[in-house]
Amino acid sequence: MNQEKLNEILRLHELWLLRSPEGIYADLQGANLEGANLEGANLERANFQGADLEKANFQGVNLERANFQGADLEKANFQGTDLRRANLRGAYLYEANLYGANLKDAYLYKTNLREADLREANLREATLQEANLREADLREADLREANLREANLCGADLREANLERTFFYKTNLQGANLQGANLEGTNLRNIMNRNKANT
């Protein structure tokens, strides 16, 4: 899809959000948008299910409640993006840039976030059950009350992260760095490789 056509889809979706009769909902399911530039757009509730968005630029985009289930988001740029309540179930976010992104209450069940940049990201109350966060950078991230049941955090960097009341169960923290992390109200007794985590 060329940028001109994409820009028109973005324009019509913004009209749809304003309830204009000229507006058209952005249904981009399965679309090939590799390397697309969507910076600054309002794509609240848009559908990107199964889309190819490798290296796409979503910097500063409003993606609240958007659907990215099963989408390819390898090396995509979500810096400072609003992803509150977004559905990222099973999405592929290898080496994605989510620095400072707002993922509060987002659904990331079985999402692949290996080596993703999640520094200072807001993941409060997010569902990360069975997510792959191997070697992810979560420094100073807010994970308060997030669900990390059976997540893989091998080698993840959680220095200075806020893990207050975060739910860990059968979570793999082998080689993870938790130095300076806030663990108030968090139970680490039922995690895997607890003794191999750097606390």
C-alpha atoms as a PDB file:
ATOM      1  CA  MET A   1       0.000   0.000   0.000  1.00  0.00           C
ATOM      2  CA  ASN A   2       1.448   3.377  -0.969  1.00  0.00           C
ATOM      3  CA  GLN A   3       1.672   6.275   1.477  1.00  0.00           C
ATOM      4  CA  GLU A   4      -0.926   8.371  -0.381  1.00  0.00           C
ATOM      5  CA  LYS A   5      -3.586   5.664  -0.057  1.00  0.00           C
ATOM      6  CA  LEU A   6      -2.633   5.085   3.580  1.00  0.00           C
ATOM      7  CA  ASN A   7      -2.930   8.795   4.373  1.00  0.00           C
ATOM      8  CA  GLU A   8      -6.461   8.772   2.959  1.00  0.00           C
ATOM      9  CA  ILE A   9      -7.377   5.792   5.163  1.00  0.00           C
ATOM     10  CA  LEU A  10      -6.015   7.667   8.186  1.00  0.00           C
ATOM     11  CA  ARG A  11      -7.991  10.789   7.282  1.00  0.00           C
ATOM     12  CA  LEU A  12     -11.256   8.873   6.857  1.00  0.00           C
ATOM     13  CA  HIS A  13     -10.736   7.004  10.134  1.00  0.00           C
ATOM     14  CA  GLU A  14     -10.319  10.270  12.015  1.00  0.00           C
ATOM     15  CA  LEU A  15     -13.630  11.416  10.507  1.00  0.00           C
ATOM     16  CA  TRP A  16     -15.187   8.105  11.602  1.00  0.00           C
ATOM     17  CA  LEU A  17     -14.002   8.752  15.164  1.00  0.00           C
ATOM     18  CA  LEU A  18     -15.713  12.150  14.975  1.00  0.00           C
ATOM     19  CA  ARG A  19     -18.920  10.369  13.823  1.00  0.00           C
ATOM     20  CA  SER A  20     -18.857  12.176  10.515  1.00  0.00           C
ATOM     21  CA  PRO A  21     -21.057  10.589   7.790  1.00  0.00           C
ATOM     22  CA  GLU A  22     -18.007  10.736   5.509  1.00  0.00           C
ATOM     23  CA  GLY A  23     -15.873   8.712   7.916  1.00  0.00           C
ATOM     24  CA  ILE A  24     -14.776   5.128   7.255  1.00  0.00           C
ATOM     25  CA  TYR A  25     -13.432   2.745   9.895  1.00  0.00           C
ATOM     26  CA  ALA A  26      -9.783   1.744   9.307  1.00  0.00           C
ATOM     27  CA  ASP A  27      -9.926  -2.015   8.776  1.00  0.00           C
ATOM     28  CA  LEU A  28      -6.372  -2.935   7.778  1.00  0.00           C
ATOM     29  CA  GLN A  29      -6.575  -6.632   8.614  1.00  0.00           C
ATOM     30  CA  GLY A  30      -3.874  -8.558   6.779  1.00  0.00           C
ATOM     31  CA  ALA A  31      -2.578  -5.431   5.007  1.00  0.00           C
ATOM     32  CA  ASN A  32       1.040  -5.113   3.892  1.00  0.00           C
ATOM     33  CA  LEU A  33       2.272  -1.952   5.591  1.00  0.00           C
ATOM     34  CA  GLU A  34       5.933  -2.803   5.969  1.00  0.00           C
ATOM     35  CA  GLY A  35       7.893   0.378   6.663  1.00  0.00           C
ATOM     36  CA  ALA A  36       4.771   2.561   6.624  1.00  0.00           C
ATOM     37  CA  ASN A  37       4.808   5.965   8.305  1.00  0.00           C
ATOM     38  CA  LEU A  38       1.772   6.575  10.541  1.00  0.00           C
ATOM     39  CA  GLU A  39       3.398   9.104  12.857  1.00  0.00           C
ATOM     40  CA  GLY A  40       1.014  11.369  14.750  1.00  0.00           C
ATOM     41  CA  ALA A  41      -2.205   9.750  13.455  1.00  0.00           C
ATOM     42  CA  ASN A  42      -5.307   8.975  15.480  1.00  0.00           C
ATOM     43  CA  LEU A  43      -6.004   5.272  14.958  1.00  0.00           C
ATOM     44  CA  GLU A  44      -8.016   4.554  18.070  1.00  0.00           C
ATOM     45  CA  ARG A  45      -9.852   1.205  17.703  1.00  0.00           C
ATOM     46  CA  ALA A  46      -8.337   0.536  14.244  1.00  0.00           C
ATOM     47  CA  ASN A  47      -7.927  -3.072  13.096  1.00  0.00           C
ATOM     48  CA  PHE A  48      -4.430  -4.304  12.152  1.00  0.00           C
ATOM     49  CA  GLN A  49      -5.038  -7.994  12.846  1.00  0.00           C
ATOM     50  CA  GLY A  50      -2.493 -10.158  11.029  1.00  0.00           C
ATOM     51  CA  ALA A  51      -1.017  -7.156   9.193  1.00  0.00           C
ATOM     52  CA  ASP A  52       2.632  -6.909   8.115  1.00  0.00           C
ATOM     53  CA  LEU A  53       3.911  -3.825   9.940  1.00  0.00           C
ATOM     54  CA  GLU A  54       7.597  -4.625  10.106  1.00  0.00           C
ATOM     55  CA  LYS A  55       9.612  -1.430  10.696  1.00  0.00           C
ATOM     56  CA  ALA A  56       6.441   0.699  10.605  1.00  0.00           C
ATOM     57  CA  ASN A  57       6.561   4.066  12.375  1.00  0.00           C
ATOM     58  CA  PHE A  58       3.799   4.600  14.955  1.00  0.00           C
ATOM     59  CA  GLN A  59       5.610   7.272  16.959  1.00  0.00           C
ATOM     60  CA  GLY A  60       3.134   9.408  18.897  1.00  0.00           C
ATOM     61  CA  VAL A  61       0.096   7.626  17.402  1.00  0.00           C
ATOM     62  CA  ASN A  62      -3.140   7.151  19.349  1.00  0.00           C
ATOM     63  CA  LEU A  63      -3.747   3.388  19.217  1.00  0.00           C
ATOM     64  CA  GLU A  64      -6.020   3.057  22.212  1.00  0.00           C
ATOM     65  CA  ARG A  65      -8.065  -0.161  21.918  1.00  0.00           C
ATOM     66  CA  ALA A  66      -6.529  -0.944  18.510  1.00  0.00           C
ATOM     67  CA  ASN A  67      -6.331  -4.584  17.410  1.00  0.00           C
ATOM     68  CA  PHE A  68      -2.883  -5.967  16.516  1.00  0.00           C
ATOM     69  CA  GLN A  69      -3.625  -9.645  17.154  1.00  0.00           C
ATOM     70  CA  GLY A  70      -1.104 -11.798  15.312  1.00  0.00           C
ATOM     71  CA  ALA A  71       0.465  -8.802  13.536  1.00  0.00           C
ATOM     72  CA  ASP A  72       4.132  -8.686  12.487  1.00  0.00           C
ATOM     73  CA  LEU A  73       5.603  -5.656  14.264  1.00  0.00           C
ATOM     74  CA  GLU A  74       9.273  -6.567  14.130  1.00  0.00           C
ATOM     75  CA  LYS A  75      11.443  -3.488  14.724  1.00  0.00           C
ATOM     76  CA  ALA A  76       8.370  -1.223  14.605  1.00  0.00           C
ATOM     77  CA  ASN A  77       8.629   2.174  16.305  1.00  0.00           C
ATOM     78  CA  PHE A  78       6.034   2.810  19.036  1.00  0.00           C
ATOM     79  CA  GLN A  79       8.004   5.430  20.948  1.00  0.00           C
ATOM     80  CA  GLY A  80       5.634   7.508  23.075  1.00  0.00           C
ATOM     81  CA  THR A  81       2.598   5.768  21.567  1.00  0.00           C
ATOM     82  CA  ASP A  82      -0.775   5.398  23.311  1.00  0.00           C
ATOM     83  CA  LEU A  83      -1.587   1.661  23.334  1.00  0.00           C
ATOM     84  CA  ARG A  84      -3.945   1.619  26.304  1.00  0.00           C
ATOM     85  CA  ARG A  85      -6.246  -1.413  26.226  1.00  0.00           C
ATOM     86  CA  ALA A  86      -4.825  -2.455  22.845  1.00  0.00           C
ATOM     87  CA  ASN A  87      -5.023  -6.108  21.793  1.00  0.00           C
ATOM     88  CA  LEU A  88      -1.523  -7.389  20.952  1.00  0.00           C
ATOM     89  CA  ARG A  89      -2.239 -11.060  21.524  1.00  0.00           C
ATOM     90  CA  GLY A  90       0.306 -13.224  19.722  1.00  0.00           C
ATOM     91  CA  ALA A  91       1.877 -10.238  17.952  1.00  0.00           C
ATOM     92  CA  TYR A  92       5.552 -10.350  16.930  1.00  0.00           C
ATOM     93  CA  LEU A  93       7.432  -7.371  18.397  1.00  0.00           C
ATOM     94  CA  TYR A  94      11.023  -8.564  18.183  1.00  0.00           C
ATOM     95  CA  GLU A  95      13.364  -5.582  18.731  1.00  0.00           C
ATOM     96  CA  ALA A  96      10.425  -3.166  18.630  1.00  0.00           C
ATOM     97  CA  ASN A  97      10.888   0.315  20.100  1.00  0.00           C
ATOM     98  CA  LEU A  98       8.285   0.877  22.837  1.00  0.00           C
ATOM     99  CA  TYR A  99      10.282   3.429  24.788  1.00  0.00           C
ATOM    100  CA  GLY A 100       7.878   5.465  26.914  1.00  0.00           C
ATOM    101  CA  ALA A 101       4.814   3.837  25.339  1.00  0.00           C
ATOM    102  CA  ASN A 102       1.557   3.689  27.283  1.00  0.00           C
ATOM    103  CA  LEU A 103       0.434   0.042  27.425  1.00  0.00           C
ATOM    104  CA  LYS A 104      -1.782   0.346  30.482  1.00  0.00           C
ATOM    105  CA  ASP A 105      -4.259  -2.533  30.605  1.00  0.00           C
ATOM    106  CA  ALA A 106      -3.046  -3.805  27.200  1.00  0.00           C
ATOM    107  CA  TYR A 107      -3.542  -7.461  26.262  1.00  0.00           C
ATOM    108  CA  LEU A 108      -0.182  -9.073  25.405  1.00  0.00           C
ATOM    109  CA  TYR A 109      -0.980 -12.746  25.897  1.00  0.00           C
ATOM    110  CA  LYS A 110       1.712 -14.891  24.196  1.00  0.00           C
ATOM    111  CA  THR A 111       3.171 -11.761  22.591  1.00  0.00           C
ATOM    112  CA  ASN A 112       6.792 -11.952  21.416  1.00  0.00           C
ATOM    113  CA  LEU A 113       8.685  -8.961  22.853  1.00  0.00           C
ATOM    114  CA  ARG A 114      12.146 -10.463  22.674  1.00  0.00           C
ATOM    115  CA  GLU A 115      14.847  -7.782  22.865  1.00  0.00           C
ATOM    116  CA  ALA A 116      12.188  -5.050  22.724  1.00  0.00           C
ATOM    117  CA  ASP A 117      12.940  -1.607  24.159  1.00  0.00           C
ATOM    118  CA  LEU A 118      10.357  -1.026  26.906  1.00  0.00           C
ATOM    119  CA  ARG A 119      12.282   1.523  28.921  1.00  0.00           C
ATOM    120  CA  GLU A 120       9.958   3.790  30.933  1.00  0.00           C
ATOM    121  CA  ALA A 121       6.926   2.109  29.347  1.00  0.00           C
ATOM    122  CA  ASN A 122       3.638   2.064  31.247  1.00  0.00           C
ATOM    123  CA  LEU A 123       2.583  -1.594  31.524  1.00  0.00           C
ATOM    124  CA  ARG A 124       0.421  -1.140  34.584  1.00  0.00           C
ATOM    125  CA  GLU A 125      -2.284  -3.839  34.793  1.00  0.00           C
ATOM    126  CA  ALA A 126      -1.191  -5.236  31.426  1.00  0.00           C
ATOM    127  CA  THR A 127      -1.699  -8.930  30.651  1.00  0.00           C
ATOM    128  CA  LEU A 128       1.692 -10.426  29.749  1.00  0.00           C
ATOM    129  CA  GLN A 129       0.811 -14.037  30.463  1.00  0.00           C
ATOM    130  CA  GLU A 130       3.143 -16.427  28.569  1.00  0.00           C
ATOM    131  CA  ALA A 131       4.742 -13.431  26.814  1.00  0.00           C
ATOM    132  CA  ASN A 132       8.318 -13.717  25.550  1.00  0.00           C
ATOM    133  CA  LEU A 133      10.313 -10.879  27.122  1.00  0.00           C
ATOM    134  CA  ARG A 134      13.681 -12.562  26.795  1.00  0.00           C
ATOM    135  CA  GLU A 135      16.467  -9.951  26.945  1.00  0.00           C
ATOM    136  CA  ALA A 136      13.915  -7.128  26.808  1.00  0.00           C
ATOM    137  CA  ASP A 137      14.933  -3.734  28.212  1.00  0.00           C
ATOM    138  CA  LEU A 138      12.416  -2.831  30.939  1.00  0.00           C
ATOM    139  CA  ARG A 139      14.482  -0.306  32.858  1.00  0.00           C
ATOM    140  CA  GLU A 140      12.257   2.070  34.835  1.00  0.00           C
ATOM    141  CA  ALA A 141       9.125   0.487  33.328  1.00  0.00           C
ATOM    142  CA  ASP A 142       5.889   0.579  35.329  1.00  0.00           C
ATOM    143  CA  LEU A 143       4.639  -2.999  35.768  1.00  0.00           C
ATOM    144  CA  ARG A 144       2.431  -2.436  38.782  1.00  0.00           C
ATOM    145  CA  GLU A 145      -0.265  -5.105  39.011  1.00  0.00           C
ATOM    146  CA  ALA A 146       0.722  -6.546  35.625  1.00  0.00           C
ATOM    147  CA  ASN A 147       0.138 -10.260  34.995  1.00  0.00           C
ATOM    148  CA  LEU A 148       3.422 -12.038  34.184  1.00  0.00           C
ATOM    149  CA  ARG A 149       2.186 -15.585  34.740  1.00  0.00           C
ATOM    150  CA  GLU A 150       4.465 -18.046  32.892  1.00  0.00           C
ATOM    151  CA  ALA A 151       6.194 -15.188  31.057  1.00  0.00           C
ATOM    152  CA  ASN A 152       9.794 -15.599  29.889  1.00  0.00           C
ATOM    153  CA  LEU A 153      12.013 -12.833  31.289  1.00  0.00           C
ATOM    154  CA  CYS A 154      15.345 -14.606  30.813  1.00  0.00           C
ATOM    155  CA  GLY A 155      18.098 -12.007  30.676  1.00  0.00           C
ATOM    156  CA  ALA A 156      15.622  -9.117  30.865  1.00  0.00           C
ATOM    157  CA  ASP A 157      16.804  -5.798  32.302  1.00  0.00           C
ATOM    158  CA  LEU A 158      14.369  -4.708  35.032  1.00  0.00           C
ATOM    159  CA  ARG A 159      16.615  -2.265  36.850  1.00  0.00           C
ATOM    160  CA  GLU A 160      14.606   0.438  38.665  1.00  0.00           C
ATOM    161  CA  ALA A 161      11.354  -1.030  37.321  1.00  0.00           C
ATOM    162  CA  ASN A 162       8.208  -0.684  39.396  1.00  0.00           C
ATOM    163  CA  LEU A 163       7.029  -4.234  40.163  1.00  0.00           C
ATOM    164  CA  GLU A 164       4.687  -3.357  43.005  1.00  0.00           C
ATOM    165  CA  ARG A 165       2.003  -6.062  43.298  1.00  0.00           C
ATOM    166  CA  THR A 166       3.067  -7.573  39.965  1.00  0.00           C
ATOM    167  CA  PHE A 167       1.762 -11.113  39.540  1.00  0.00           C
ATOM    168  CA  PHE A 168       4.521 -13.698  39.035  1.00  0.00           C
ATOM    169  CA  TYR A 169       3.735 -17.406  38.738  1.00  0.00           C
ATOM    170  CA  LYS A 170       6.060 -19.867  36.992  1.00  0.00           C
ATOM    171  CA  THR A 171       7.733 -16.810  35.496  1.00  0.00           C
ATOM    172  CA  ASN A 172      11.256 -17.426  34.206  1.00  0.00           C
ATOM    173  CA  LEU A 173      13.662 -14.802  35.586  1.00  0.00           C
ATOM    174  CA  GLN A 174      16.923 -16.607  34.869  1.00  0.00           C
ATOM    175  CA  GLY A 175      19.648 -14.003  34.342  1.00  0.00           C
ATOM    176  CA  ALA A 176      17.197 -11.106  34.776  1.00  0.00           C
ATOM    177  CA  ASN A 177      18.507  -7.949  36.439  1.00  0.00           C
ATOM    178  CA  LEU A 178      16.168  -6.600  39.136  1.00  0.00           C
ATOM    179  CA  GLN A 179      18.605  -4.268  40.855  1.00  0.00           C
ATOM    180  CA  GLY A 180      16.798  -1.258  42.315  1.00  0.00           C
ATOM    181  CA  ALA A 181      13.379  -2.600  41.292  1.00  0.00           C
ATOM    182  CA  ASN A 182      10.396  -1.890  43.543  1.00  0.00           C
ATOM    183  CA  LEU A 183       9.099  -5.293  44.664  1.00  0.00           C
ATOM    184  CA  GLU A 184       6.707  -4.079  47.353  1.00  0.00           C
ATOM    185  CA  GLY A 185       3.780  -6.446  47.729  1.00  0.00           C
ATOM    186  CA  THR A 186       5.193  -8.830  45.119  1.00  0.00           C
ATOM    187  CA  ASN A 187       5.506 -12.564  45.761  1.00  0.00           C
ATOM    188  CA  LEU A 188       8.584 -14.090  44.106  1.00  0.00           C
ATOM    189  CA  ARG A 189       8.294 -17.503  45.741  1.00  0.00           C
ATOM    190  CA  ASN A 190       6.617 -19.185  42.782  1.00  0.00           C
ATOM    191  CA  ILE A 191       8.942 -18.020  40.005  1.00  0.00           C
ATOM    192  CA  MET A 192      11.377 -20.164  38.030  1.00  0.00           C
ATOM    193  CA  ASN A 193      15.135 -19.742  38.510  1.00  0.00           C
ATOM    194  CA  ARG A 194      14.661 -17.245  41.316  1.00  0.00           C
ATOM    195  CA  ASN A 195      18.131 -17.950  42.599  1.00  0.00           C
ATOM    196  CA  LYS A 196      19.599 -17.128  39.176  1.00  0.00           C
ATOM    197  CA  ALA A 197      18.056 -13.660  38.983  1.00  0.00           C
ATOM    198  CA  ASN A 198      20.185 -10.672  39.923  1.00  0.00           C
ATOM    199  CA  THR A 199      18.356  -8.879  42.707  1.00  0.00           C
END
